[in-house]
């Protein structure tokens, strides 16, 4: 590899291998996943560490979660 600049993520593996990369925050919550076909999925949590939403690499919401406890809600 030649050139200059910053590398954010480098995935090296044999051409016939399939690899998924997971990223966790300091609370050990899954915050990102890079799939075999290099698409990224992001996970967002609330202050109670509950999963709020799942977004694709373009920021589009793929799934949204809502928690209701009696009259309390998100």
N, C-alpha and C. Protein backbone atom coordinates (compact mmCIF):
# COMPACT_ATOMS: atom_id res chain seq x y z
N UNK A 1 0.85 -1.18 0.00
CA UNK A 1 0.00 0.00 0.00
C UNK A 1 0.89 1.23 0.00
N UNK A 2 0.61 2.14 -0.92
CA UNK A 2 1.39 3.37 -0.98
C UNK A 2 0.45 4.57 -0.96
N UNK A 3 1.00 5.73 -0.72
CA UNK A 3 0.20 6.95 -0.71
C UNK A 3 0.20 7.59 0.66
N UNK A 4 -0.58 8.62 0.80
CA UNK A 4 -0.66 9.30 2.09
C UNK A 4 -2.12 9.53 2.44
N UNK A 5 -2.37 9.80 3.70
CA UNK A 5 -3.72 10.04 4.17
C UNK A 5 -4.02 9.19 5.38
N UNK A 6 -5.23 9.29 5.85
CA UNK A 6 -5.66 8.55 7.03
C UNK A 6 -6.48 7.34 6.63
N UNK A 7 -6.32 6.27 7.36
CA UNK A 7 -7.11 5.06 7.14
C UNK A 7 -8.05 4.90 8.32
N UNK A 8 -9.33 4.86 8.04
CA UNK A 8 -10.32 4.70 9.10
C UNK A 8 -10.54 3.23 9.40
N UNK A 9 -10.62 2.42 8.37
CA UNK A 9 -10.83 0.99 8.55
C UNK A 9 -10.15 0.25 7.42
N UNK A 10 -9.46 -0.81 7.76
CA UNK A 10 -8.78 -1.62 6.76
C UNK A 10 -9.16 -3.07 7.01
N UNK A 11 -9.72 -3.70 6.00
CA UNK A 11 -10.14 -5.10 6.12
C UNK A 11 -9.32 -5.92 5.14
N UNK A 12 -8.43 -6.74 5.65
CA UNK A 12 -7.62 -7.62 4.82
C UNK A 12 -8.02 -9.07 5.08
N UNK A 13 -8.32 -9.78 4.00
CA UNK A 13 -8.69 -11.18 4.13
C UNK A 13 -8.51 -11.85 2.77
N UNK A 14 -8.38 -13.18 2.75
CA UNK A 14 -8.27 -13.87 1.47
C UNK A 14 -9.49 -13.58 0.59
N UNK A 15 -9.32 -13.60 -0.72
CA UNK A 15 -10.39 -13.23 -1.64
C UNK A 15 -11.60 -14.16 -1.54
N UNK A 16 -11.41 -15.37 -1.09
CA UNK A 16 -12.53 -16.31 -0.97
C UNK A 16 -13.17 -16.30 0.42
N UNK A 17 -12.63 -15.51 1.33
CA UNK A 17 -13.17 -15.45 2.69
C UNK A 17 -14.35 -14.49 2.77
N UNK A 18 -15.18 -14.68 3.78
CA UNK A 18 -16.28 -13.78 4.06
C UNK A 18 -16.08 -13.26 5.48
N UNK A 19 -16.11 -11.94 5.63
CA UNK A 19 -15.82 -11.35 6.94
C UNK A 19 -16.85 -10.29 7.29
N UNK A 20 -17.31 -10.32 8.52
CA UNK A 20 -18.18 -9.29 9.07
C UNK A 20 -17.42 -8.64 10.22
N UNK A 21 -17.42 -7.30 10.27
CA UNK A 21 -16.71 -6.55 11.30
C UNK A 21 -17.73 -5.90 12.22
N UNK A 22 -17.49 -6.00 13.53
CA UNK A 22 -18.38 -5.41 14.53
C UNK A 22 -17.62 -4.35 15.30
N UNK A 23 -18.31 -3.23 15.64
CA UNK A 23 -17.73 -2.16 16.44
C UNK A 23 -18.59 -1.97 17.68
N UNK A 24 -17.91 -1.88 18.84
CA UNK A 24 -18.59 -1.71 20.11
C UNK A 24 -18.12 -0.43 20.78
N UNK A 25 -18.99 0.19 21.59
CA UNK A 25 -18.58 1.37 22.33
C UNK A 25 -18.00 0.95 23.68
N UNK A 26 -17.67 1.93 24.53
CA UNK A 26 -17.04 1.60 25.80
C UNK A 26 -17.99 0.93 26.79
N UNK A 27 -19.29 0.90 26.50
CA UNK A 27 -20.26 0.16 27.32
C UNK A 27 -20.54 -1.22 26.74
N UNK A 28 -19.77 -1.59 25.74
CA UNK A 28 -19.87 -2.89 25.05
C UNK A 28 -21.18 -3.06 24.30
N UNK A 29 -21.75 -1.94 23.85
CA UNK A 29 -22.95 -1.98 23.01
C UNK A 29 -22.51 -2.01 21.56
N UNK A 30 -23.17 -2.83 20.76
CA UNK A 30 -22.89 -2.88 19.33
C UNK A 30 -23.32 -1.55 18.71
N UNK A 31 -22.39 -0.84 18.07
CA UNK A 31 -22.74 0.45 17.47
C UNK A 31 -22.63 0.44 15.95
N UNK A 32 -21.90 -0.53 15.39
CA UNK A 32 -21.80 -0.61 13.93
C UNK A 32 -21.43 -2.02 13.52
N UNK A 33 -21.88 -2.37 12.31
CA UNK A 33 -21.59 -3.68 11.74
C UNK A 33 -21.31 -3.49 10.26
N UNK A 34 -20.20 -4.01 9.79
CA UNK A 34 -19.86 -3.96 8.37
C UNK A 34 -19.99 -5.39 7.83
N UNK A 35 -20.89 -5.58 6.89
CA UNK A 35 -21.24 -6.92 6.41
C UNK A 35 -20.24 -7.44 5.39
N UNK A 36 -20.48 -8.66 4.96
CA UNK A 36 -19.63 -9.32 3.97
C UNK A 36 -19.53 -8.50 2.69
N UNK A 37 -20.62 -7.85 2.28
CA UNK A 37 -20.62 -7.06 1.05
C UNK A 37 -20.30 -5.58 1.31
N UNK A 38 -19.69 -5.29 2.47
CA UNK A 38 -19.19 -3.96 2.85
C UNK A 38 -20.29 -2.91 3.03
N UNK A 39 -21.48 -3.32 3.39
CA UNK A 39 -22.51 -2.35 3.77
C UNK A 39 -22.47 -2.19 5.28
N UNK A 40 -22.68 -0.97 5.75
CA UNK A 40 -22.55 -0.66 7.17
C UNK A 40 -23.93 -0.43 7.77
N UNK A 41 -24.14 -0.97 8.96
CA UNK A 41 -25.36 -0.79 9.72
C UNK A 41 -24.98 -0.16 11.05
N UNK A 42 -25.71 0.90 11.46
CA UNK A 42 -25.44 1.61 12.71
C UNK A 42 -26.57 1.36 13.70
N UNK A 43 -26.23 1.29 14.98
CA UNK A 43 -27.18 1.04 16.05
C UNK A 43 -27.12 2.19 17.04
N UNK A 44 -28.29 2.77 17.41
CA UNK A 44 -28.37 3.88 18.35
C UNK A 44 -29.13 3.45 19.60
N UNK A 45 -28.68 3.96 20.75
CA UNK A 45 -29.26 3.59 22.04
C UNK A 45 -29.71 4.82 22.81
N UNK A 46 -30.66 4.63 23.73
CA UNK A 46 -31.08 5.74 24.58
C UNK A 46 -30.26 5.72 25.87
N UNK A 47 -30.59 6.63 26.81
CA UNK A 47 -29.82 6.75 28.05
C UNK A 47 -30.00 5.55 28.98
N UNK A 48 -31.00 4.69 28.70
CA UNK A 48 -31.21 3.47 29.46
C UNK A 48 -30.58 2.26 28.78
N UNK A 49 -29.76 2.50 27.76
CA UNK A 49 -29.06 1.45 26.99
C UNK A 49 -30.01 0.56 26.21
N UNK A 50 -31.17 1.09 25.86
CA UNK A 50 -32.12 0.34 25.03
C UNK A 50 -31.90 0.72 23.57
N UNK A 51 -32.00 -0.25 22.71
CA UNK A 51 -31.84 0.00 21.28
C UNK A 51 -32.98 0.89 20.79
N UNK A 52 -32.62 2.02 20.16
CA UNK A 52 -33.62 2.96 19.65
C UNK A 52 -33.89 2.77 18.17
N UNK A 53 -32.83 2.67 17.39
CA UNK A 53 -33.03 2.52 15.95
C UNK A 53 -31.82 1.88 15.30
N UNK A 54 -32.08 1.39 14.10
CA UNK A 54 -31.04 0.79 13.26
C UNK A 54 -31.04 1.56 11.95
N UNK A 55 -29.86 2.09 11.57
CA UNK A 55 -29.73 2.90 10.36
C UNK A 55 -28.76 2.24 9.39
N UNK A 56 -28.94 2.51 8.09
CA UNK A 56 -27.99 2.03 7.10
C UNK A 56 -26.85 3.02 6.96
N UNK A 57 -25.92 2.74 6.05
CA UNK A 57 -24.73 3.57 5.89
C UNK A 57 -25.03 4.96 5.36
N UNK A 58 -26.24 5.18 4.85
CA UNK A 58 -26.63 6.49 4.33
C UNK A 58 -27.48 7.27 5.33
N UNK A 59 -27.70 6.70 6.53
CA UNK A 59 -28.49 7.35 7.56
C UNK A 59 -29.97 7.07 7.49
N UNK A 60 -30.39 6.22 6.57
CA UNK A 60 -31.81 5.86 6.45
C UNK A 60 -32.20 4.92 7.59
N UNK A 61 -33.34 5.19 8.21
CA UNK A 61 -33.83 4.34 9.29
C UNK A 61 -34.31 3.01 8.70
N UNK A 62 -33.80 1.92 9.24
CA UNK A 62 -34.22 0.59 8.81
C UNK A 62 -35.21 -0.02 9.79
N UNK A 63 -35.04 0.31 11.08
CA UNK A 63 -35.95 -0.20 12.09
C UNK A 63 -35.91 0.77 13.27
N UNK A 64 -37.08 1.07 13.84
CA UNK A 64 -37.19 1.96 14.98
C UNK A 64 -37.92 1.22 16.09
N UNK A 65 -37.41 1.36 17.31
CA UNK A 65 -37.99 0.69 18.46
C UNK A 65 -38.61 1.74 19.38
N UNK A 66 -39.75 1.40 19.98
CA UNK A 66 -40.40 2.29 20.93
C UNK A 66 -40.73 1.48 22.17
N UNK A 67 -40.42 2.05 23.32
CA UNK A 67 -40.64 1.37 24.59
C UNK A 67 -41.71 2.13 25.36
N UNK A 68 -42.72 1.43 25.83
CA UNK A 68 -43.80 2.04 26.61
C UNK A 68 -43.95 1.28 27.92
N UNK A 69 -43.93 2.02 29.00
CA UNK A 69 -44.14 1.46 30.33
C UNK A 69 -45.27 2.25 30.97
N UNK A 70 -46.48 1.78 30.84
CA UNK A 70 -47.62 2.51 31.36
C UNK A 70 -47.78 3.80 30.59
N UNK A 71 -47.77 4.92 31.31
CA UNK A 71 -47.92 6.21 30.66
C UNK A 71 -46.58 6.79 30.19
N UNK A 72 -45.49 6.15 30.58
CA UNK A 72 -44.16 6.61 30.15
C UNK A 72 -43.88 6.10 28.75
N UNK A 73 -43.29 6.90 27.94
CA UNK A 73 -42.93 6.46 26.60
C UNK A 73 -41.62 7.11 26.19
N UNK A 74 -41.16 6.76 25.05
CA UNK A 74 -39.89 7.24 24.50
C UNK A 74 -39.86 8.69 24.40
